[in-house]
Structures are given as C-alpha cells and as structure tokens.
Amino acid sequence: YDNRYLFDATYRLDGSSQFGFDRRFAPFWSIGAGWNAKNEAFLKDSKTLTEMRFRYTVGTTGSENFSSFRGLTTSKYYTDREYRGIIASYILAYGNSALAWQKTLKQNFGVDLNFFNRLSITANYFNARTKGSIAFISSPLSAGFDGYWDNMGDVVNKGYEVYTRFNVIKNASNRNNFSVFANLFHVENKIEKISETIRALNERANSTLSSTPLPRYAEGQSVNAIWGVQSLGIDPASGREVYLSRDGSITSEYDPSDQVIVGDKTPTLQGTFGASLEVKNIGFNVFFRFSFGGDSYNQTLVDRVENVDVMRYNVDRRVSEERWQNPGDVAFFRGILDYRYNQTPGITYSTSRFVQKDNFITGENASVYYRFTDKLNSKLGLQNTKITVFTQDVFRIASIKRERGLDYPFSRSFTLQLQTSF
C-alpha cells in the first residue's frame, strides 16, 4: 500500500510419495509484512539514508531433499547382467514407512539499509523450530544396510546473518569501480525433544566400542555435539591412555558408558569477505572464507597414527617419532608397547584427546582479467571480450592441519578463460 506497507499470505497442501504411506501430505502456510520507512515523509528527502526497509515473516516449510527409497523400501533390477535368462533385483535401502515430513516453523526479522548509495547492509535474525527432524540412524551391518532414515525429534535453530558491501569507487561511465564486502553468520541449535528410536540409539551407544564418535542426541544439547570419554592424556609411566569416568574417578580402562559431550562442531562465527576492483579495463577479484569457535574430531590422527597396523603397512613417520616409547616420555600418542614390552590395546576409541578447535581462514579463489575496450572490440569484429585468469585454493591457515592423500587430494588450480561474442 502506497509503496510503504507490504503484506502477503500463502497456504498450500503438499504431498510426496517419498514419505511413508500414511505420512505423504502436509499443510504449509506463511505470513509476511514489511515497512518501507524510506518513503515516509520524514525520510523521503534524506541524502544520507537512501534505503530503509523492515521485514517480518513467519511460516512453515517442509523438506523432501532425499531419495524416495528412504521412505519406501524399493527394489532395483540388475539391468546390466542376467543369470540363465533371469534378471534379478536387489533392495536399494532399508525404507521406513513411518517417515514423515520434516516441518519447520520459521520466523525472520530483517532490515535493509543503504547509506549514500555506497554502503549497503542487510541483516536478519531468525528462529526456526523443526518438528520431526530427519536424521540417519545407524544399524548393524548384519541387517544388510548401514542404517535408515527416521524422524529424530524437535530441533530449534536460531541465529543471525549480516551482509554488507561498500562501493569505494563507482563510476558507471567508464566501469571503474572498487568495492569490498563481508558476510557474517552465526547459527546455533538445540534439541528440544527426541524420539523413542533416538533414545534406543543412545542406549546402544553406551555399550558400543567405536574409534569414531557415534551419533548421539540429547534434549537440551546441540545436534552437532561430539561425544566421547574424557581423556587425561597418556600416562608417562606406562604409555597407556588415562580416562576420567562419569563418577570422577581416574581409570585406564575404557568404558563407553562414560561418554559425555567433549566438543561441538557449531562455529561461533563464520562467513566470507572479499574485494573487487576494475580500473581502465583491468580487474581483480578475491574471495576469502573463515570460521572459528567450532570443534572437530581429528579422525585422521586416529586412523593414520594411533590405530595404524604397524605389522602390515608402511606408516606415518609420527608413529615412530611422536609416540610414547619409554617410561618418562611425555607424548600425545599412546605407546605401541607398554613399560613391560607388552602390546597395548590395539584400538583407540573415541575420546576427548582428538577433539581440536576448527578455526581457519582460506583464500577460496582469485582472478585477474582484462576487458577489451570498445575500440579494440570493434577493430576485431567482436563484442564483450574478456580474458580472465582464475586460481582456486590460494592459501589456507588453520588450527587443524589438512592432510593430503587421505580423501580426494586438494590442489591449487589455474584456469585461463577467453569470453567473447560476435
């Protein structure tokens, strides 16, 4: 109304065969309102504040971003082979006929500001309550599959995001420009309610020995919590790991029922920032990413150093240089042999010893380009010609060392691109 007040409302009923037989349909709705304060009489003529909008939305959304066989047990034919003229079939996954829509009630309050037509700021605060959050539930391999999907319970996500851009130079006539930007995000979550299936999963984790932290979900805690037994480090006398049990006693015997929250993967703050510059048809762009405050379980150290099979494989040099070897050694990694030269337990299970702060800043990509002048384009019979050199993974500074050759190798790449039309 009057280019100042905005309102909208929607309602829809969605159905999807990806869910269980009795849970295929779900209603969704939303309401939104806005105020374009810039068009009010007291701000309309302001040269400093060139935009001011306030927004509020509330509504429900659903998620079906997964394969249909997760809700319905589905068979697939071996179309590439046969046996005596017979084509066989196999089950894709262990379906869950009770799998229902993951419904989220979202609220968002936002503001859009612009000063001098140069500095733009968009900020949002959001709160989302998800009912029936879908999660992967591990199962014994003897079942034929490593797990299935189920509605784990209710989860609340809240946080804020801020997008800013400042145009230092902005000249539309000759395309000369220089701008910097920064985008900041903070999201935290908490489990409000868990299903009976998740309770059973948690109970099973209390008696399961695993070198990898098993998924556990507790009411009032983060979805991204890392669970493990609290470690007091390696005993310099024996070379064995020492643990702190739930009752506060110190022991060298690992008990999975002593697992507590030893970290959280959720970052305190994350985001991106960068800059773009073009002067006399020569341009430059750079893009950075950062994150700090979150934790990570360094599984590489467990698999490649701590639990490595020294009798059968070539091993990391840290196995021989950084392990406990003799009484009195202060080391991060446990010994292979104890002080009596007996082999120590062959498996290190999930403990707080391998939880590390996951702080990093990376140079995601950078590019340099030359844009042909209109005169040069006309002489060559071309239009909109640009030559660009791209590079990715420029640098990485992190609290956790990234290991090469363990997964898909990371590498720095360079690309030369010619773009034109005629």
Protein backbone atom coordinates (compact mmCIF):
# COMPACT_ATOMS: atom_id res chain seq x y z
CA TYR A 1 0.00 0.00 0.00
CA ASP A 2 1.38 3.44 -1.05
CA ASN A 3 4.80 1.82 -1.63
CA ARG A 4 5.27 1.89 2.15
CA TYR A 5 3.41 -1.05 3.68
CA LEU A 6 3.60 -4.63 2.41
CA PHE A 7 1.68 -7.77 3.34
CA ASP A 8 1.38 -11.26 1.88
CA ALA A 9 -0.02 -14.63 2.94
CA THR A 10 0.10 -18.13 1.45
CA TYR A 11 -1.35 -21.56 2.15
CA ARG A 12 -0.63 -24.83 0.38
CA LEU A 13 -1.08 -28.56 0.82
CA ASP A 14 1.83 -30.65 -0.47
CA GLY A 15 2.06 -34.39 -0.98
CA SER A 16 5.04 -36.56 -1.85
CA SER A 17 5.38 -40.30 -2.44
CA GLN A 18 8.88 -40.12 -0.94
CA PHE A 19 7.36 -40.45 2.53
CA GLY A 20 5.66 -43.37 4.25
CA PHE A 21 2.20 -44.50 3.12
CA ASP A 22 0.35 -42.70 5.92
CA ARG A 23 2.52 -39.54 6.06
CA ARG A 24 2.53 -38.25 2.49
CA PHE A 25 0.56 -34.99 2.84
CA ALA A 26 1.31 -31.92 4.94
CA PRO A 27 -0.06 -28.32 5.03
CA PHE A 28 2.20 -25.27 4.88
CA TRP A 29 1.49 -21.56 5.34
CA SER A 30 3.29 -18.21 5.64
CA ILE A 31 2.58 -14.58 6.50
CA GLY A 32 4.86 -11.65 5.74
CA ALA A 33 4.82 -7.92 6.42
CA GLY A 34 7.13 -5.06 5.59
CA TRP A 35 7.59 -1.34 6.07
CA ASN A 36 9.42 0.82 3.54
CA ALA A 37 10.39 3.54 6.01
CA LYS A 38 12.42 5.43 3.39
CA ASN A 39 9.17 6.56 1.71
CA GLU A 40 7.83 8.15 4.87
CA ALA A 41 7.73 11.93 4.80
CA PHE A 42 10.41 12.34 7.49
CA LEU A 43 12.97 10.27 5.50
CA LYS A 44 11.94 10.72 1.87
CA ASP A 45 14.33 13.60 1.16
CA SER A 46 17.28 12.28 3.14
CA LYS A 47 20.53 12.19 1.13
CA THR A 48 22.35 10.18 3.78
CA LEU A 49 19.90 7.31 4.20
CA THR A 50 18.95 6.13 0.71
CA GLU A 51 17.15 2.93 1.80
CA MET A 52 15.49 1.66 4.98
CA ARG A 53 13.18 -1.35 4.97
CA PHE A 54 11.96 -3.53 7.81
CA ARG A 55 10.67 -7.09 7.23
CA TYR A 56 9.00 -9.79 9.30
CA THR A 57 7.95 -13.24 8.10
CA VAL A 58 6.55 -16.29 9.82
CA GLY A 59 5.53 -19.58 8.28
CA THR A 60 6.11 -23.29 7.87
CA THR A 61 8.25 -25.16 5.37
CA GLY A 62 8.90 -28.83 4.71
CA SER A 63 11.82 -30.86 3.42
CA GLU A 64 11.87 -33.77 0.98
CA ASN A 65 15.50 -33.44 -0.06
CA PHE A 66 16.29 -37.15 -0.05
CA SER A 67 15.77 -40.20 -2.24
CA SER A 68 12.34 -41.85 -2.31
CA PHE A 69 13.66 -45.27 -1.26
CA ARG A 70 14.42 -43.88 2.21
CA GLY A 71 10.72 -43.78 2.97
CA LEU A 72 9.64 -46.78 0.92
CA THR A 73 11.60 -50.00 0.57
CA THR A 74 12.35 -50.17 -3.17
CA SER A 75 13.85 -52.86 -5.37
CA LYS A 76 16.00 -52.26 -8.42
CA TYR A 77 16.78 -54.66 -11.25
CA TYR A 78 20.28 -55.69 -12.29
CA THR A 79 19.81 -54.36 -15.81
CA ASP A 80 23.44 -54.93 -16.78
CA ARG A 81 23.55 -58.70 -16.12
CA GLU A 82 21.44 -61.86 -16.04
CA TYR A 83 21.70 -65.48 -14.92
CA ARG A 84 20.35 -68.13 -17.28
CA GLY A 85 18.00 -65.61 -18.77
CA ILE A 86 16.70 -64.39 -15.42
CA ILE A 87 17.14 -60.76 -14.32
CA ALA A 88 17.46 -60.44 -10.55
CA SER A 89 16.74 -57.48 -8.30
CA TYR A 90 18.12 -56.02 -5.09
CA ILE A 91 16.82 -53.68 -2.38
CA LEU A 92 18.20 -50.14 -2.61
CA ALA A 93 17.86 -49.29 1.07
CA TYR A 94 16.01 -50.08 4.24
CA GLY A 95 12.85 -47.99 3.86
CA ASN A 96 10.86 -46.52 6.74
CA SER A 97 7.11 -46.47 6.04
CA ALA A 98 6.57 -44.17 9.06
CA LEU A 99 8.93 -41.46 7.75
CA ALA A 100 7.02 -38.15 7.81
CA TRP A 101 7.52 -34.61 6.60
CA GLN A 102 10.14 -32.59 8.42
CA LYS A 103 8.15 -29.43 9.22
CA THR A 104 9.80 -26.20 10.30
CA LEU A 105 8.15 -23.09 11.76
CA LYS A 106 10.36 -20.17 10.75
CA GLN A 107 10.38 -16.59 11.99
CA ASN A 108 12.61 -13.93 10.46
CA PHE A 109 13.08 -10.25 11.26
CA GLY A 110 15.19 -8.29 8.81
CA VAL A 111 16.32 -4.80 7.92
CA ASP A 112 17.78 -3.39 4.68
CA LEU A 113 19.83 -0.19 4.87
CA ASN A 114 21.77 1.86 2.35
CA PHE A 115 23.85 4.95 3.03
CA PHE A 116 24.91 7.44 0.34
CA ASN A 117 24.13 4.77 -2.30
CA ARG A 118 27.50 3.26 -1.37
CA LEU A 119 27.20 1.26 1.84
CA SER A 120 24.50 -1.44 1.87
CA ILE A 121 23.67 -3.55 4.93
CA THR A 122 21.19 -6.42 5.09
CA ALA A 123 20.69 -8.05 8.49
CA ASN A 124 18.43 -10.91 9.54
CA TYR A 125 17.64 -12.56 12.84
CA PHE A 126 15.88 -15.90 12.56
CA ASN A 127 14.38 -18.59 14.73
CA ALA A 128 13.33 -21.95 13.31
CA ARG A 129 11.67 -24.80 15.20
CA THR A 130 11.74 -28.11 13.31
CA LYS A 131 9.37 -30.92 14.26
CA GLY A 132 10.23 -34.42 13.13
CA SER A 133 13.76 -33.55 12.10
CA ILE A 134 15.04 -36.22 9.70
CA ALA A 135 18.30 -37.94 10.65
CA PHE A 136 20.26 -41.02 9.61
CA ILE A 137 20.07 -43.82 12.18
CA SER A 138 22.95 -46.32 12.10
CA SER A 139 22.14 -50.01 12.26
CA PRO A 140 24.25 -53.19 12.49
CA LEU A 141 25.64 -54.30 9.12
CA SER A 142 24.08 -57.70 9.80
CA ALA A 143 20.75 -56.03 8.92
CA GLY A 144 22.00 -55.73 5.34
CA PHE A 145 22.32 -51.92 5.44
CA ASP A 146 24.35 -49.48 7.49
CA GLY A 147 21.28 -47.58 8.62
CA TYR A 148 17.96 -45.93 7.78
CA TRP A 149 16.26 -42.52 7.99
CA ASP A 150 13.82 -41.55 10.71
CA ASN A 151 12.21 -38.51 12.35
CA MET A 152 14.54 -37.92 15.30
CA GLY A 153 12.57 -35.26 17.20
CA ASP A 154 12.27 -31.50 17.54
CA VAL A 155 15.16 -29.09 16.96
CA VAL A 156 15.42 -25.29 17.37
CA ASN A 157 17.82 -23.28 15.21
CA LYS A 158 18.40 -19.58 15.76
CA GLY A 159 20.99 -17.04 14.76
CA TYR A 160 21.74 -14.02 12.65
CA GLU A 161 23.31 -13.13 9.32
CA VAL A 162 24.71 -9.81 8.11
CA TYR A 163 25.55 -8.93 4.51
CA THR A 164 27.49 -5.73 3.82
CA ARG A 165 29.01 -4.13 0.72
CA PHE A 166 30.83 -0.80 0.41
CA ASN A 167 31.39 0.75 -3.02
CA VAL A 168 34.56 2.80 -2.57
CA ILE A 169 34.66 3.75 -6.27
CA LYS A 170 31.61 3.57 -8.52
CA ASN A 171 31.75 5.13 -11.98
CA ALA A 172 29.14 3.83 -14.43
CA SER A 173 30.52 5.79 -17.39
CA ASN A 174 33.95 4.11 -17.57
CA ARG A 175 33.26 0.99 -15.40
CA ASN A 176 35.96 1.96 -12.89
CA ASN A 177 34.93 0.50 -9.54
CA PHE A 178 36.29 -0.75 -6.26
CA SER A 179 34.10 -2.49 -3.68
CA VAL A 180 34.61 -4.62 -0.58
CA PHE A 181 32.11 -6.97 1.03
CA ALA A 182 31.70 -9.08 4.17
CA ASN A 183 29.07 -11.65 5.09
CA LEU A 184 28.82 -12.88 8.69
CA PHE A 185 26.79 -15.82 10.03
CA HIS A 186 26.06 -17.27 13.44
CA VAL A 187 23.74 -20.25 13.88
CA GLU A 188 23.14 -22.33 17.00
CA ASN A 189 20.79 -25.24 17.55
CA LYS A 190 19.26 -27.16 20.42
CA ILE A 191 17.35 -30.43 20.57
CA GLU A 192 14.00 -29.97 22.32
CA LYS A 193 12.66 -33.48 22.00
CA ILE A 194 13.95 -36.84 20.81
CA SER A 195 12.03 -39.86 19.54
CA GLU A 196 11.99 -43.29 21.15
CA THR A 197 14.15 -44.54 18.27
CA ILE A 198 16.83 -42.00 19.17
CA ARG A 199 16.63 -42.97 22.84
CA ALA A 200 17.30 -46.56 21.83
CA LEU A 201 20.20 -45.39 19.65
CA ASN A 202 21.70 -43.51 22.59
CA GLU A 203 21.40 -46.56 24.81
CA ARG A 204 23.16 -48.68 22.21
CA ALA A 205 26.00 -46.14 22.02
CA ASN A 206 26.52 -46.58 25.79
CA SER A 207 27.69 -50.14 25.18
CA THR A 208 29.33 -49.84 21.74
CA LEU A 209 33.09 -49.60 21.30
CA SER A 210 33.95 -47.34 18.37
CA SER A 211 37.04 -45.45 17.21
CA THR A 212 34.72 -42.84 15.66
CA PRO A 213 32.33 -40.74 17.78
CA LEU A 214 28.88 -42.29 17.38
CA PRO A 215 25.88 -40.02 16.74
CA ARG A 216 24.04 -39.26 19.97
CA TYR A 217 21.27 -36.77 20.57
CA ALA A 218 20.29 -35.37 23.96
CA GLU A 219 17.47 -32.99 24.82
CA GLY A 220 18.76 -29.51 25.56
CA GLN A 221 22.02 -30.13 23.66
CA SER A 222 23.33 -29.27 20.20
CA VAL A 223 22.73 -31.54 17.20
CA ASN A 224 26.44 -31.09 16.40
CA ALA A 225 27.73 -32.18 19.81
CA ILE A 226 30.74 -34.53 19.81
CA TRP A 227 30.56 -37.37 22.32
CA GLY A 228 33.49 -39.26 23.80
CA VAL A 229 35.14 -40.36 27.01
CA GLN A 230 37.12 -37.62 28.73
CA SER A 231 40.84 -38.24 28.33
CA LEU A 232 43.54 -37.15 30.77
CA GLY A 233 46.26 -37.88 28.22
CA ILE A 234 48.97 -40.52 28.05
CA ASP A 235 50.45 -41.76 31.30
CA PRO A 236 54.23 -41.03 31.09
CA ALA A 237 54.96 -44.11 33.19
CA SER A 238 53.06 -46.76 31.23
CA GLY A 239 52.30 -45.24 27.83
CA ARG A 240 48.60 -46.02 28.23
CA GLU A 241 45.74 -43.55 27.99
CA VAL A 242 44.11 -42.41 31.22
CA TYR A 243 40.39 -41.59 31.37
CA LEU A 244 38.07 -39.66 33.64
CA SER A 245 34.91 -41.65 34.37
CA ARG A 246 31.46 -40.16 34.96
CA ASP A 247 31.81 -40.57 38.73
CA GLY A 248 35.06 -38.55 38.73
CA SER A 249 37.44 -41.46 39.24
CA ILE A 250 40.58 -41.96 37.14
CA THR A 251 40.98 -45.20 35.23
CA SER A 252 42.96 -46.76 32.37
CA GLU A 253 40.03 -48.96 31.28
CA TYR A 254 37.82 -47.55 28.52
CA ASP A 255 34.09 -47.69 29.20
CA PRO A 256 31.71 -46.34 26.50
CA SER A 257 29.09 -45.58 29.16
CA ASP A 258 31.44 -42.82 30.41
CA GLN A 259 30.90 -40.80 27.21
CA VAL A 260 29.99 -37.14 27.66
CA ILE A 261 29.92 -34.10 25.37
CA VAL A 262 33.54 -33.24 24.62
CA GLY A 263 33.04 -30.70 21.83
CA ASP A 264 30.63 -29.02 19.44
CA LYS A 265 31.07 -28.65 15.69
CA THR A 266 28.95 -25.47 15.62
CA PRO A 267 31.17 -22.41 14.86
CA THR A 268 30.88 -19.27 16.95
CA LEU A 269 31.14 -17.15 13.80
CA GLN A 270 31.67 -17.94 10.14
CA GLY A 271 31.47 -16.04 6.91
CA THR A 272 33.09 -14.71 3.78
CA PHE A 273 34.71 -11.47 2.69
CA GLY A 274 36.49 -10.13 -0.35
CA ALA A 275 37.00 -7.30 -2.80
CA SER A 276 36.64 -6.47 -6.48
CA LEU A 277 38.49 -3.80 -8.43
CA GLU A 278 38.43 -2.60 -12.04
CA VAL A 279 40.42 0.35 -13.37
CA LYS A 280 40.88 1.08 -17.06
CA ASN A 281 39.50 -2.34 -18.08
CA ILE A 282 41.87 -4.28 -15.80
CA GLY A 283 40.09 -6.06 -12.98
CA PHE A 284 40.84 -8.12 -9.90
CA ASN A 285 38.61 -10.22 -7.62
CA VAL A 286 39.47 -12.06 -4.42
CA PHE A 287 37.25 -14.19 -2.15
CA PHE A 288 38.03 -15.41 1.40
CA ARG A 289 36.21 -17.73 3.82
CA PHE A 290 36.64 -18.07 7.58
CA SER A 291 35.25 -19.94 10.56
CA PHE A 292 36.18 -20.03 14.23
CA GLY A 293 34.89 -21.32 17.54
CA GLY A 294 33.79 -24.79 16.39
CA ASP A 295 35.36 -28.15 17.22
CA SER A 296 36.27 -31.13 15.07
CA TYR A 297 37.20 -34.72 15.82
CA ASN A 298 40.51 -35.36 14.05
CA GLN A 299 39.80 -38.84 12.74
CA THR A 300 42.95 -38.73 10.60
CA LEU A 301 45.18 -38.87 13.68
CA VAL A 302 43.19 -41.83 15.00
CA ASP A 303 43.22 -43.85 11.77
CA ARG A 304 46.67 -42.98 10.40
CA VAL A 305 48.74 -42.72 13.58
CA GLU A 306 47.03 -44.07 16.68
CA ASN A 307 45.28 -47.16 15.28
CA VAL A 308 47.60 -47.94 12.38
CA ASP A 309 48.67 -51.57 11.87
CA VAL A 310 52.47 -51.33 12.20
CA MET A 311 52.94 -55.04 11.47
CA ARG A 312 51.38 -54.95 8.00
CA TYR A 313 51.64 -51.47 6.48
CA ASN A 314 54.02 -48.61 5.85
CA VAL A 315 53.11 -45.99 8.42
CA ASP A 316 53.21 -42.27 9.07
CA ARG A 317 56.53 -41.01 10.49
CA ARG A 318 54.64 -39.71 13.52
CA VAL A 319 54.15 -43.34 14.56
CA SER A 320 57.87 -43.62 15.33
CA GLU A 321 58.69 -40.04 16.28
CA GLU A 322 55.75 -38.82 18.38
CA ARG A 323 54.50 -41.93 20.21
CA TRP A 324 55.30 -42.83 23.81
CA GLN A 325 58.28 -45.23 23.81
CA ASN A 326 59.97 -45.29 27.21
CA PRO A 327 58.90 -44.60 30.82
CA GLY A 328 59.04 -40.86 31.46
CA ASP A 329 58.17 -39.86 27.88
CA VAL A 330 55.59 -37.10 27.60
CA ALA A 331 53.77 -37.79 24.33
CA PHE A 332 50.44 -37.12 22.66
CA PHE A 333 50.12 -40.60 21.13
CA ARG A 334 49.96 -43.75 23.24
CA GLY A 335 52.69 -46.35 23.09
CA ILE A 336 52.61 -49.45 20.93
CA LEU A 337 54.30 -51.41 23.74
CA ASP A 338 53.89 -50.66 27.44
CA TYR A 339 56.65 -50.46 30.04
CA ARG A 340 56.73 -54.29 30.24
CA TYR A 341 57.04 -54.52 26.46
CA ASN A 342 53.56 -55.96 26.15
CA GLN A 343 51.42 -54.71 23.27
CA THR A 344 48.98 -52.03 24.38
CA PRO A 345 45.31 -52.22 23.29
CA GLY A 346 45.26 -52.24 19.50
CA ILE A 347 42.34 -49.84 19.17
CA THR A 348 41.95 -46.30 20.48
CA TYR A 349 38.28 -45.50 20.99
CA SER A 350 36.63 -42.08 20.77
CA THR A 351 37.98 -39.77 23.46
CA SER A 352 38.36 -36.05 24.02
CA ARG A 353 42.07 -36.31 23.15
CA PHE A 354 41.36 -35.92 19.44
CA VAL A 355 38.88 -33.04 19.69
CA GLN A 356 40.51 -29.92 18.25
CA LYS A 357 39.45 -26.33 17.62
CA ASP A 358 38.48 -25.97 13.97
CA ASN A 359 39.49 -22.39 13.19
CA PHE A 360 40.51 -21.44 9.67
CA ILE A 361 40.75 -18.74 7.04
CA THR A 362 41.14 -19.63 3.39
CA GLY A 363 41.77 -17.84 0.15
CA GLU A 364 38.97 -19.53 -1.79
CA ASN A 365 39.67 -18.02 -5.19
CA ALA A 366 41.16 -15.06 -7.00
CA SER A 367 41.00 -13.80 -10.57
CA VAL A 368 42.60 -11.17 -12.78
CA TYR A 369 41.03 -10.09 -16.06
CA TYR A 370 41.38 -7.66 -18.94
CA ARG A 371 38.26 -6.33 -20.63
CA PHE A 372 38.79 -5.24 -24.26
CA THR A 373 37.94 -1.62 -25.00
CA ASP A 374 35.03 -0.85 -27.31
CA LYS A 375 37.54 0.42 -29.87
CA LEU A 376 39.55 -2.82 -29.82
CA ASN A 377 36.39 -4.94 -29.95
CA SER A 378 35.16 -3.01 -32.99
CA LYS A 379 38.51 -3.41 -34.73
CA LEU A 380 38.45 -7.19 -34.20
CA GLY A 381 34.75 -7.53 -35.03
CA LEU A 382 33.95 -8.77 -31.53
CA GLN A 383 31.81 -7.74 -28.56
CA ASN A 384 32.13 -8.03 -24.78
CA THR A 385 35.56 -9.68 -24.94
CA LYS A 386 37.34 -10.51 -21.69
CA ILE A 387 40.42 -12.59 -20.84
CA THR A 388 40.49 -13.96 -17.28
CA VAL A 389 42.94 -15.98 -15.20
CA PHE A 390 41.37 -17.87 -12.25
CA THR A 391 43.03 -19.66 -9.36
CA GLN A 392 41.43 -21.63 -6.51
CA ASP A 393 42.61 -22.73 -3.08
CA VAL A 394 45.07 -19.84 -2.90
CA PHE A 395 46.04 -20.47 0.74
CA ARG A 396 44.73 -21.97 3.98
CA ILE A 397 45.64 -21.02 7.54
CA ALA A 398 44.02 -23.38 10.04
CA SER A 399 44.30 -24.76 13.56
CA ILE A 400 43.93 -28.30 12.15
CA LYS A 401 46.45 -29.46 9.58
CA ARG A 402 44.85 -30.65 6.36
CA GLU A 403 46.37 -33.98 5.31
CA ARG A 404 46.99 -34.80 1.65
CA GLY A 405 46.12 -38.12 0.05
CA LEU A 406 43.56 -39.26 2.62
CA ASP A 407 40.47 -38.36 0.65
CA TYR A 408 40.20 -36.56 -2.65
CA PRO A 409 43.52 -34.67 -2.92
CA PHE A 410 43.25 -30.91 -2.67
CA SER A 411 45.21 -28.91 -5.20
CA ARG A 412 45.70 -25.36 -6.40
CA SER A 413 44.30 -24.93 -9.91
CA PHE A 414 44.72 -22.26 -12.60
CA THR A 415 42.32 -21.55 -15.46
CA LEU A 416 42.70 -19.28 -18.47
CA GLN A 417 39.38 -18.18 -19.97
CA LEU A 418 38.52 -16.23 -23.13
CA GLN A 419 34.99 -14.89 -23.31
CA THR A 420 33.57 -13.03 -26.29
CA SER A 421 30.61 -12.73 -28.66
CA PHE A 422 30.26 -11.78 -32.32
